[in-house]
Amino acid sequence: MVQMEYYLIVSTIMMFIGIYGFLTRRNLLAMLISVELILNSVDINFVVFNRFLFPGQLEGFFFSLFAIGISAAETAVAIAIIINIYRNMKNIQVKNLDKMKW
């Protein structure tokens, strides 16, 4: 059986990769992918802590499924916003978004 620390190490690595990608990327799609990595690391934590702390109960799995559904809806809305930005500006770089204020 795999120990809990291994799952937490994978989750932590995913979290830091997501944070690094969000802070360093200037493309909206790359930033969205980074946010999805962060959300997936949280889902892994939900499932791991549920499995090891409360075996036989499914609360962590249900929280994880709910979070996956919320992140899918968030991704759909974000992609729709990105498509509208691209239609108006022909670019999806973050540095060009200040032009939308005027």
PDB file of N, CA and C in Angstrom:
ATOM      1  N   MET A   1       0.839  -1.184   0.000  1.00  0.00           N
ATOM      2  CA  MET A   1       0.000   0.000   0.000  1.00  0.00           C
ATOM      3  C   MET A   1       0.888   1.254   0.000  1.00  0.00           C
ATOM      4  N   VAL A   2       0.490   2.222  -0.791  1.00  0.00           N
ATOM      5  CA  VAL A   2       1.267   3.457  -0.909  1.00  0.00           C
ATOM      6  C   VAL A   2       0.993   4.331   0.315  1.00  0.00           C
ATOM      7  N   GLN A   3       2.046   4.897   0.853  1.00  0.00           N
ATOM      8  CA  GLN A   3       1.899   5.724   2.041  1.00  0.00           C
ATOM      9  C   GLN A   3       1.342   7.096   1.686  1.00  0.00           C
ATOM     10  N   MET A   4       0.775   7.746   2.686  1.00  0.00           N
ATOM     11  CA  MET A   4       0.147   9.037   2.483  1.00  0.00           C
ATOM     12  C   MET A   4       1.157  10.102   2.079  1.00  0.00           C
ATOM     13  N   GLU A   5       2.375  10.007   2.539  1.00  0.00           N
ATOM     14  CA  GLU A   5       3.377  11.028   2.234  1.00  0.00           C
ATOM     15  C   GLU A   5       3.649  11.138   0.741  1.00  0.00           C
ATOM     16  N   TYR A   6       3.598  10.012   0.035  1.00  0.00           N
ATOM     17  CA  TYR A   6       3.865  10.045  -1.408  1.00  0.00           C
ATOM     18  C   TYR A   6       2.788  10.824  -2.153  1.00  0.00           C
ATOM     19  N   TYR A   7       1.543  10.622  -1.756  1.00  0.00           N
ATOM     20  CA  TYR A   7       0.460  11.389  -2.370  1.00  0.00           C
ATOM     21  C   TYR A   7       0.603  12.881  -2.062  1.00  0.00           C
ATOM     22  N   LEU A   8       0.971  13.179  -0.832  1.00  0.00           N
ATOM     23  CA  LEU A   8       1.127  14.582  -0.445  1.00  0.00           C
ATOM     24  C   LEU A   8       2.311  15.239  -1.150  1.00  0.00           C
ATOM     25  N   ILE A   9       3.358  14.475  -1.416  1.00  0.00           N
ATOM     26  CA  ILE A   9       4.500  15.019  -2.160  1.00  0.00           C
ATOM     27  C   ILE A   9       4.077  15.356  -3.583  1.00  0.00           C
ATOM     28  N   VAL A  10       3.339  14.455  -4.228  1.00  0.00           N
ATOM     29  CA  VAL A  10       2.851  14.721  -5.585  1.00  0.00           C
ATOM     30  C   VAL A  10       1.926  15.935  -5.586  1.00  0.00           C
ATOM     31  N   SER A  11       1.055  16.012  -4.606  1.00  0.00           N
ATOM     32  CA  SER A  11       0.137  17.141  -4.512  1.00  0.00           C
ATOM     33  C   SER A  11       0.875  18.451  -4.281  1.00  0.00           C
ATOM     34  N   THR A  12       1.891  18.421  -3.440  1.00  0.00           N
ATOM     35  CA  THR A  12       2.667  19.634  -3.176  1.00  0.00           C
ATOM     36  C   THR A  12       3.431  20.081  -4.419  1.00  0.00           C
ATOM     37  N   ILE A  13       4.008  19.138  -5.136  1.00  0.00           N
ATOM     38  CA  ILE A  13       4.713  19.479  -6.371  1.00  0.00           C
ATOM     39  C   ILE A  13       3.754  20.102  -7.378  1.00  0.00           C
ATOM     40  N   MET A  14       2.560  19.514  -7.510  1.00  0.00           N
ATOM     41  CA  MET A  14       1.572  20.080  -8.423  1.00  0.00           C
ATOM     42  C   MET A  14       1.155  21.483  -7.998  1.00  0.00           C
ATOM     43  N   MET A  15       1.012  21.691  -6.708  1.00  0.00           N
ATOM     44  CA  MET A  15       0.627  23.011  -6.202  1.00  0.00           C
ATOM     45  C   MET A  15       1.696  24.055  -6.530  1.00  0.00           C
ATOM     46  N   PHE A  16       2.956  23.732  -6.283  1.00  0.00           N
ATOM     47  CA  PHE A  16       4.018  24.702  -6.541  1.00  0.00           C
ATOM     48  C   PHE A  16       4.232  24.938  -8.034  1.00  0.00           C
ATOM     49  N   ILE A  17       4.068  23.913  -8.849  1.00  0.00           N
ATOM     50  CA  ILE A  17       4.153  24.111 -10.300  1.00  0.00           C
ATOM     51  C   ILE A  17       3.028  25.027 -10.762  1.00  0.00           C
ATOM     52  N   GLY A  18       1.825  24.840 -10.219  1.00  0.00           N
ATOM     53  CA  GLY A  18       0.705  25.704 -10.572  1.00  0.00           C
ATOM     54  C   GLY A  18       0.920  27.147 -10.138  1.00  0.00           C
ATOM     55  N   ILE A  19       1.421  27.337  -8.925  1.00  0.00           N
ATOM     56  CA  ILE A  19       1.681  28.698  -8.442  1.00  0.00           C
ATOM     57  C   ILE A  19       2.780  29.360  -9.270  1.00  0.00           C
ATOM     58  N   TYR A  20       3.851  28.621  -9.545  1.00  0.00           N
ATOM     59  CA  TYR A  20       4.932  29.165 -10.364  1.00  0.00           C
ATOM     60  C   TYR A  20       4.436  29.521 -11.766  1.00  0.00           C
ATOM     61  N   GLY A  21       3.647  28.630 -12.362  1.00  0.00           N
ATOM     62  CA  GLY A  21       3.113  28.904 -13.695  1.00  0.00           C
ATOM     63  C   GLY A  21       2.182  30.094 -13.707  1.00  0.00           C
ATOM     64  N   PHE A  22       1.380  30.243 -12.673  1.00  0.00           N
ATOM     65  CA  PHE A  22       0.459  31.379 -12.624  1.00  0.00           C
ATOM     66  C   PHE A  22       1.202  32.699 -12.469  1.00  0.00           C
ATOM     67  N   LEU A  23       2.258  32.693 -11.685  1.00  0.00           N
ATOM     68  CA  LEU A  23       2.989  33.936 -11.443  1.00  0.00           C
ATOM     69  C   LEU A  23       3.941  34.320 -12.576  1.00  0.00           C
ATOM     70  N   THR A  24       4.402  33.353 -13.352  1.00  0.00           N
ATOM     71  CA  THR A  24       5.393  33.662 -14.377  1.00  0.00           C
ATOM     72  C   THR A  24       4.827  33.752 -15.782  1.00  0.00           C
ATOM     73  N   ARG A  25       3.717  33.149 -16.065  1.00  0.00           N
ATOM     74  CA  ARG A  25       3.176  33.155 -17.428  1.00  0.00           C
ATOM     75  C   ARG A  25       2.422  34.440 -17.689  1.00  0.00           C
ATOM     76  N   ARG A  26       2.425  34.853 -18.922  1.00  0.00           N
ATOM     77  CA  ARG A  26       1.706  36.060 -19.330  1.00  0.00           C
ATOM     78  C   ARG A  26       0.598  35.756 -20.324  1.00  0.00           C
ATOM     79  N   ASN A  27       0.401  34.491 -20.627  1.00  0.00           N
ATOM     80  CA  ASN A  27      -0.656  34.063 -21.523  1.00  0.00           C
ATOM     81  C   ASN A  27      -1.845  33.607 -20.681  1.00  0.00           C
ATOM     82  N   LEU A  28      -3.036  34.035 -21.049  1.00  0.00           N
ATOM     83  CA  LEU A  28      -4.209  33.701 -20.236  1.00  0.00           C
ATOM     84  C   LEU A  28      -4.490  32.206 -20.199  1.00  0.00           C
ATOM     85  N   LEU A  29      -4.268  31.502 -21.299  1.00  0.00           N
ATOM     86  CA  LEU A  29      -4.506  30.053 -21.296  1.00  0.00           C
ATOM     87  C   LEU A  29      -3.513  29.319 -20.397  1.00  0.00           C
ATOM     88  N   ALA A  30      -2.262  29.735 -20.412  1.00  0.00           N
ATOM     89  CA  ALA A  30      -1.267  29.116 -19.530  1.00  0.00           C
ATOM     90  C   ALA A  30      -1.606  29.389 -18.068  1.00  0.00           C
ATOM     91  N   MET A  31      -2.105  30.576 -17.785  1.00  0.00           N
ATOM     92  CA  MET A  31      -2.512  30.887 -16.416  1.00  0.00           C
ATOM     93  C   MET A  31      -3.716  30.042 -15.998  1.00  0.00           C
ATOM     94  N   LEU A  32      -4.636  29.803 -16.925  1.00  0.00           N
ATOM     95  CA  LEU A  32      -5.797  28.956 -16.631  1.00  0.00           C
ATOM     96  C   LEU A  32      -5.368  27.520 -16.356  1.00  0.00           C
ATOM     97  N   ILE A  33      -4.418  27.020 -17.118  1.00  0.00           N
ATOM     98  CA  ILE A  33      -3.907  25.673 -16.875  1.00  0.00           C
ATOM     99  C   ILE A  33      -3.227  25.598 -15.509  1.00  0.00           C
ATOM    100  N   SER A  34      -2.540  26.636 -15.126  1.00  0.00           N
ATOM    101  CA  SER A  34      -1.892  26.663 -13.812  1.00  0.00           C
ATOM    102  C   SER A  34      -2.918  26.637 -12.682  1.00  0.00           C
ATOM    103  N   VAL A  35      -4.010  27.362 -12.853  1.00  0.00           N
ATOM    104  CA  VAL A  35      -5.076  27.335 -11.846  1.00  0.00           C
ATOM    105  C   VAL A  35      -5.685  25.938 -11.762  1.00  0.00           C
ATOM    106  N   GLU A  36      -5.825  25.271 -12.893  1.00  0.00           N
ATOM    107  CA  GLU A  36      -6.355  23.903 -12.885  1.00  0.00           C
ATOM    108  C   GLU A  36      -5.404  22.950 -12.159  1.00  0.00           C
ATOM    109  N   LEU A  37      -4.101  23.145 -12.305  1.00  0.00           N
ATOM    110  CA  LEU A  37      -3.147  22.324 -11.556  1.00  0.00           C
ATOM    111  C   LEU A  37      -3.308  22.523 -10.053  1.00  0.00           C
ATOM    112  N   ILE A  38      -3.506  23.751  -9.650  1.00  0.00           N
ATOM    113  CA  ILE A  38      -3.700  24.036  -8.228  1.00  0.00           C
ATOM    114  C   ILE A  38      -4.968  23.355  -7.725  1.00  0.00           C
ATOM    115  N   LEU A  39      -6.048  23.456  -8.482  1.00  0.00           N
ATOM    116  CA  LEU A  39      -7.303  22.827  -8.068  1.00  0.00           C
ATOM    117  C   LEU A  39      -7.191  21.304  -8.027  1.00  0.00           C
ATOM    118  N   ASN A  40      -6.462  20.715  -8.966  1.00  0.00           N
ATOM    119  CA  ASN A  40      -6.282  19.261  -8.948  1.00  0.00           C
ATOM    120  C   ASN A  40      -5.440  18.808  -7.761  1.00  0.00           C
ATOM    121  N   SER A  41      -4.476  19.619  -7.345  1.00  0.00           N
ATOM    122  CA  SER A  41      -3.703  19.241  -6.163  1.00  0.00           C
ATOM    123  C   SER A  41      -4.580  19.267  -4.915  1.00  0.00           C
ATOM    124  N   VAL A  42      -5.501  20.209  -4.855  1.00  0.00           N
ATOM    125  CA  VAL A  42      -6.435  20.255  -3.721  1.00  0.00           C
ATOM    126  C   VAL A  42      -7.359  19.031  -3.748  1.00  0.00           C
ATOM    127  N   ASP A  43      -7.792  18.624  -4.931  1.00  0.00           N
ATOM    128  CA  ASP A  43      -8.637  17.428  -5.039  1.00  0.00           C
ATOM    129  C   ASP A  43      -7.905  16.177  -4.571  1.00  0.00           C
ATOM    130  N   ILE A  44      -6.632  16.087  -4.909  1.00  0.00           N
ATOM    131  CA  ILE A  44      -5.839  14.950  -4.435  1.00  0.00           C
ATOM    132  C   ILE A  44      -5.777  14.949  -2.912  1.00  0.00           C
ATOM    133  N   ASN A  45      -5.606  16.120  -2.316  1.00  0.00           N
ATOM    134  CA  ASN A  45      -5.572  16.199  -0.854  1.00  0.00           C
ATOM    135  C   ASN A  45      -6.900  15.775  -0.237  1.00  0.00           C
ATOM    136  N   PHE A  46      -8.015  16.200  -0.829  1.00  0.00           N
ATOM    137  CA  PHE A  46      -9.328  15.776  -0.318  1.00  0.00           C
ATOM    138  C   PHE A  46      -9.427  14.254  -0.277  1.00  0.00           C
ATOM    139  N   VAL A  47      -9.067  13.617  -1.365  1.00  0.00           N
ATOM    140  CA  VAL A  47      -9.219  12.168  -1.461  1.00  0.00           C
ATOM    141  C   VAL A  47      -8.245  11.449  -0.532  1.00  0.00           C
ATOM    142  N   VAL A  48      -7.017  11.907  -0.472  1.00  0.00           N
ATOM    143  CA  VAL A  48      -6.009  11.238   0.356  1.00  0.00           C
ATOM    144  C   VAL A  48      -6.360  11.335   1.832  1.00  0.00           C
ATOM    145  N   PHE A  49      -6.717  12.531   2.288  1.00  0.00           N
ATOM    146  CA  PHE A  49      -7.049  12.660   3.706  1.00  0.00           C
ATOM    147  C   PHE A  49      -8.320  11.896   4.057  1.00  0.00           C
ATOM    148  N   ASN A  50      -9.266  11.831   3.145  1.00  0.00           N
ATOM    149  CA  ASN A  50     -10.458  11.042   3.405  1.00  0.00           C
ATOM    150  C   ASN A  50     -10.115   9.558   3.501  1.00  0.00           C
ATOM    151  N   ARG A  51      -9.275   9.091   2.595  1.00  0.00           N
ATOM    152  CA  ARG A  51      -8.957   7.664   2.571  1.00  0.00           C
ATOM    153  C   ARG A  51      -8.153   7.240   3.797  1.00  0.00           C
ATOM    154  N   PHE A  52      -7.222   8.057   4.237  1.00  0.00           N
ATOM    155  CA  PHE A  52      -6.361   7.653   5.343  1.00  0.00           C
ATOM    156  C   PHE A  52      -6.920   8.014   6.716  1.00  0.00           C
ATOM    157  N   LEU A  53      -7.695   9.079   6.828  1.00  0.00           N
ATOM    158  CA  LEU A  53      -8.223   9.465   8.127  1.00  0.00           C
ATOM    159  C   LEU A  53      -9.592   8.855   8.414  1.00  0.00           C
ATOM    160  N   PHE A  54     -10.408   8.719   7.378  1.00  0.00           N
ATOM    161  CA  PHE A  54     -11.759   8.175   7.555  1.00  0.00           C
ATOM    162  C   PHE A  54     -12.022   7.093   6.519  1.00  0.00           C
ATOM    163  N   PRO A  55     -11.385   5.943   6.641  1.00  0.00           N
ATOM    164  CA  PRO A  55     -11.613   4.886   5.649  1.00  0.00           C
ATOM    165  C   PRO A  55     -13.057   4.392   5.707  1.00  0.00           C
ATOM    166  N   GLY A  56     -13.612   4.147   4.560  1.00  0.00           N
ATOM    167  CA  GLY A  56     -14.988   3.679   4.490  1.00  0.00           C
ATOM    168  C   GLY A  56     -16.002   4.785   4.325  1.00  0.00           C
ATOM    169  N   GLN A  57     -15.616   6.022   4.521  1.00  0.00           N
ATOM    170  CA  GLN A  57     -16.522   7.142   4.310  1.00  0.00           C
ATOM    171  C   GLN A  57     -16.165   7.838   3.006  1.00  0.00           C
ATOM    172  N   LEU A  58     -17.136   8.516   2.422  1.00  0.00           N
ATOM    173  CA  LEU A  58     -16.934   9.066   1.089  1.00  0.00           C
ATOM    174  C   LEU A  58     -17.023  10.587   1.009  1.00  0.00           C
ATOM    175  N   GLU A  59     -16.906  11.281   2.126  1.00  0.00           N
ATOM    176  CA  GLU A  59     -17.042  12.733   2.086  1.00  0.00           C
ATOM    177  C   GLU A  59     -15.961  13.386   1.233  1.00  0.00           C
ATOM    178  N   GLY A  60     -14.717  12.928   1.366  1.00  0.00           N
ATOM    179  CA  GLY A  60     -13.624  13.493   0.578  1.00  0.00           C
ATOM    180  C   GLY A  60     -13.813  13.279  -0.910  1.00  0.00           C
ATOM    181  N   PHE A  61     -14.354  12.125  -1.273  1.00  0.00           N
ATOM    182  CA  PHE A  61     -14.607  11.850  -2.685  1.00  0.00           C
ATOM    183  C   PHE A  61     -15.709  12.752  -3.223  1.00  0.00           C
ATOM    184  N   PHE A  62     -16.738  12.981  -2.421  1.00  0.00           N
ATOM    185  CA  PHE A  62     -17.821  13.854  -2.867  1.00  0.00           C
ATOM    186  C   PHE A  62     -17.356  15.303  -2.964  1.00  0.00           C
ATOM    187  N   PHE A  63     -16.538  15.744  -2.008  1.00  0.00           N
ATOM    188  CA  PHE A  63     -15.959  17.088  -2.105  1.00  0.00           C
ATOM    189  C   PHE A  63     -15.100  17.208  -3.363  1.00  0.00           C
ATOM    190  N   SER A  64     -14.352  16.153  -3.652  1.00  0.00           N
ATOM    191  CA  SER A  64     -13.496  16.159  -4.830  1.00  0.00           C
ATOM    192  C   SER A  64     -14.321  16.213  -6.109  1.00  0.00           C
ATOM    193  N   LEU A  65     -15.373  15.444  -6.187  1.00  0.00           N
ATOM    194  CA  LEU A  65     -16.244  15.482  -7.369  1.00  0.00           C
ATOM    195  C   LEU A  65     -16.927  16.833  -7.513  1.00  0.00           C
ATOM    196  N   PHE A  66     -17.344  17.403  -6.408  1.00  0.00           N
ATOM    197  CA  PHE A  66     -17.949  18.734  -6.446  1.00  0.00           C
ATOM    198  C   PHE A  66     -16.939  19.766  -6.916  1.00  0.00           C
ATOM    199  N   ALA A  67     -15.705  19.685  -6.431  1.00  0.00           N
ATOM    200  CA  ALA A  67     -14.665  20.631  -6.840  1.00  0.00           C
ATOM    201  C   ALA A  67     -14.317  20.457  -8.316  1.00  0.00           C
ATOM    202  N   ILE A  68     -14.318  19.231  -8.810  1.00  0.00           N
ATOM    203  CA  ILE A  68     -14.061  19.005 -10.236  1.00  0.00           C
ATOM    204  C   ILE A  68     -15.176  19.610 -11.073  1.00  0.00           C
ATOM    205  N   GLY A  69     -16.416  19.473 -10.639  1.00  0.00           N
ATOM    206  CA  GLY A  69     -17.533  20.094 -11.363  1.00  0.00           C
ATOM    207  C   GLY A  69     -17.449  21.605 -11.363  1.00  0.00           C
ATOM    208  N   ILE A  70     -17.095  22.184 -10.228  1.00  0.00           N
ATOM    209  CA  ILE A  70     -16.944  23.638 -10.149  1.00  0.00           C
ATOM    210  C   ILE A  70     -15.805  24.107 -11.038  1.00  0.00           C
ATOM    211  N   SER A  71     -14.692  23.379 -11.040  1.00  0.00           N
ATOM    212  CA  SER A  71     -13.563  23.789 -11.877  1.00  0.00           C
ATOM    213  C   SER A  71     -13.875  23.630 -13.360  1.00  0.00           C
ATOM    214  N   ALA A  72     -14.704  22.664 -13.730  1.00  0.00           N
ATOM    215  CA  ALA A  72     -15.116  22.541 -15.134  1.00  0.00           C
ATOM    216  C   ALA A  72     -15.976  23.727 -15.550  1.00  0.00           C
ATOM    217  N   ALA A  73     -16.889  24.144 -14.681  1.00  0.00           N
ATOM    218  CA  ALA A  73     -17.707  25.318 -14.986  1.00  0.00           C
ATOM    219  C   ALA A  73     -16.849  26.576 -15.044  1.00  0.00           C
ATOM    220  N   GLU A  74     -15.904  26.690 -14.138  1.00  0.00           N
ATOM    221  CA  GLU A  74     -14.998  27.847 -14.130  1.00  0.00           C
ATOM    222  C   GLU A  74     -14.157  27.883 -15.396  1.00  0.00           C
ATOM    223  N   THR A  75     -13.704  26.726 -15.856  1.00  0.00           N
ATOM    224  CA  THR A  75     -12.919  26.665 -17.076  1.00  0.00           C
ATOM    225  C   THR A  75     -13.747  27.058 -18.285  1.00  0.00           C
ATOM    226  N   ALA A  76     -14.984  26.616 -18.342  1.00  0.00           N
ATOM    227  CA  ALA A  76     -15.850  26.975 -19.472  1.00  0.00           C
ATOM    228  C   ALA A  76     -16.087  28.480 -19.525  1.00  0.00           C
ATOM    229  N   VAL A  77     -16.341  29.088 -18.391  1.00  0.00           N
ATOM    230  CA  VAL A  77     -16.546  30.543 -18.351  1.00  0.00           C
ATOM    231  C   VAL A  77     -15.257  31.271 -18.712  1.00  0.00           C
ATOM    232  N   ALA A  78     -14.126  30.805 -18.189  1.00  0.00           N
ATOM    233  CA  ALA A  78     -12.851  31.460 -18.481  1.00  0.00           C
ATOM    234  C   ALA A  78     -12.495  31.360 -19.960  1.00  0.00           C
ATOM    235  N   ILE A  79     -12.738  30.218 -20.575  1.00  0.00           N
ATOM    236  CA  ILE A  79     -12.446  30.077 -22.001  1.00  0.00           C
ATOM    237  C   ILE A  79     -13.367  30.965 -22.826  1.00  0.00           C
ATOM    238  N   ALA A  80     -14.621  31.097 -22.423  1.00  0.00           N
ATOM    239  CA  ALA A  80     -15.528  32.012 -23.132  1.00  0.00           C
ATOM    240  C   ALA A  80     -15.038  33.456 -23.030  1.00  0.00           C
ATOM    241  N   ILE A  81     -14.557  33.846 -21.867  1.00  0.00           N
ATOM    242  CA  ILE A  81     -14.021  35.201 -21.694  1.00  0.00           C
ATOM    243  C   ILE A  81     -12.762  35.383 -22.538  1.00  0.00           C
ATOM    244  N   ILE A  82     -11.891  34.380 -22.560  1.00  0.00           N
ATOM    245  CA  ILE A  82     -10.671  34.465 -23.355  1.00  0.00           C
ATOM    246  C   ILE A  82     -10.985  34.565 -24.841  1.00  0.00           C
ATOM    247  N   ILE A  83     -11.983  33.824 -25.301  1.00  0.00           N
ATOM    248  CA  ILE A  83     -12.378  33.907 -26.714  1.00  0.00           C
ATOM    249  C   ILE A  83     -12.893  35.301 -27.041  1.00  0.00           C
ATOM    250  N   ASN A  84     -13.685  35.894 -26.165  1.00  0.00           N
ATOM    251  CA  ASN A  84     -14.164  37.254 -26.409  1.00  0.00           C
ATOM    252  C   ASN A  84     -13.025  38.269 -26.398  1.00  0.00           C
ATOM    253  N   ILE A  85     -12.070  38.091 -25.516  1.00  0.00           N
ATOM    254  CA  ILE A  85     -10.910  38.984 -25.506  1.00  0.00           C
ATOM    255  C   ILE A  85     -10.135  38.846 -26.813  1.00  0.00           C
ATOM    256  N   TYR A  86      -9.959  37.614 -27.279  1.00  0.00           N
ATOM    257  CA  TYR A  86      -9.227  37.410 -28.525  1.00  0.00           C
ATOM    258  C   TYR A  86      -9.972  38.029 -29.715  1.00  0.00           C
ATOM    259  N   ARG A  87     -11.286  37.924 -29.723  1.00  0.00           N
ATOM    260  CA  ARG A  87     -12.057  38.529 -30.815  1.00  0.00           C
ATOM    261  C   ARG A  87     -11.905  40.043 -30.841  1.00  0.00           C
ATOM    262  N   ASN A  88     -11.839  40.660 -29.700  1.00  0.00           N
ATOM    263  CA  ASN A  88     -11.737  42.116 -29.641  1.00  0.00           C
ATOM    264  C   ASN A  88     -10.322  42.627 -29.831  1.00  0.00           C
ATOM    265  N   MET A  89      -9.335  41.916 -29.306  1.00  0.00           N
ATOM    266  CA  MET A  89      -7.976  42.450 -29.280  1.00  0.00           C
ATOM    267  C   MET A  89      -6.996  41.675 -30.144  1.00  0.00           C
ATOM    268  N   LYS A  90      -7.373  40.492 -30.634  1.00  0.00           N
ATOM    269  CA  LYS A  90      -6.497  39.625 -31.434  1.00  0.00           C
ATOM    270  C   LYS A  90      -5.238  39.194 -30.682  1.00  0.00           C
ATOM    271  N   ASN A  91      -5.325  39.166 -29.357  1.00  0.00           N
ATOM    272  CA  ASN A  91      -4.194  38.800 -28.525  1.00  0.00           C
ATOM    273  C   ASN A  91      -4.729  38.414 -27.147  1.00  0.00           C
ATOM    274  N   ILE A  92      -4.081  37.428 -26.507  1.00  0.00           N
ATOM    275  CA  ILE A  92      -4.531  37.032 -25.169  1.00  0.00           C
ATOM    276  C   ILE A  92      -3.417  37.176 -24.142  1.00  0.00           C
ATOM    277  N   GLN A  93      -2.512  38.091 -24.374  1.00  0.00           N
ATOM    278  CA  GLN A  93      -1.457  38.370 -23.410  1.00  0.00           C
ATOM    279  C   GLN A  93      -2.006  39.263 -22.299  1.00  0.00           C
ATOM    280  N   VAL A  94      -1.563  39.028 -21.086  1.00  0.00           N
ATOM    281  CA  VAL A  94      -2.073  39.756 -19.930  1.00  0.00           C
ATOM    282  C   VAL A  94      -1.687  41.233 -19.989  1.00  0.00           C
ATOM    283  N   LYS A  95      -0.515  41.533 -20.518  1.00  0.00           N
ATOM    284  CA  LYS A  95      -0.054  42.924 -20.531  1.00  0.00           C
ATOM    285  C   LYS A  95      -0.922  43.818 -21.412  1.00  0.00           C
ATOM    286  N   ASN A  96      -1.681  43.242 -22.328  1.00  0.00           N
ATOM    287  CA  ASN A  96      -2.524  44.033 -23.227  1.00  0.00           C
ATOM    288  C   ASN A  96      -3.939  44.229 -22.700  1.00  0.00           C
ATOM    289  N   LEU A  97      -4.258  43.679 -21.545  1.00  0.00           N
ATOM    290  CA  LEU A  97      -5.617  43.752 -21.039  1.00  0.00           C
ATOM    291  C   LEU A  97      -5.957  45.104 -20.433  1.00  0.00           C
ATOM    292  N   ASP A  98      -4.989  45.934 -20.167  1.00  0.00           N
ATOM    293  CA  ASP A  98      -5.296  47.239 -19.618  1.00  0.00           C
ATOM    294  C   ASP A  98      -5.970  48.146 -20.660  1.00  0.00           C
ATOM    295  N   LYS A  99      -5.881  47.779 -21.925  1.00  0.00           N
ATOM    296  CA  LYS A  99      -6.544  48.548 -22.976  1.00  0.00           C
ATOM    297  C   LYS A  99      -8.068  48.407 -22.911  1.00  0.00           C
ATOM    298  N   MET A 100      -8.544  47.367 -22.239  1.00  0.00           N
ATOM    299  CA  MET A 100      -9.979  47.154 -22.137  1.00  0.00           C
ATOM    300  C   MET A 100     -10.640  48.155 -21.181  1.00  0.00           C
ATOM    301  N   LYS A 101      -9.863  48.825 -20.366  1.00  0.00           N
ATOM    302  CA  LYS A 101     -10.424  49.797 -19.419  1.00  0.00           C
ATOM    303  C   LYS A 101     -11.013  50.999 -20.141  1.00  0.00           C
ATOM    304  N   TRP A 102     -10.475  51.369 -21.268  1.00  0.00           N
ATOM    305  CA  TRP A 102     -10.880  52.580 -21.952  1.00  0.00           C
ATOM    306  C   TRP A 102     -11.824  52.214 -23.031  1.00  0.00           C
TER     307      TRP A 102
END
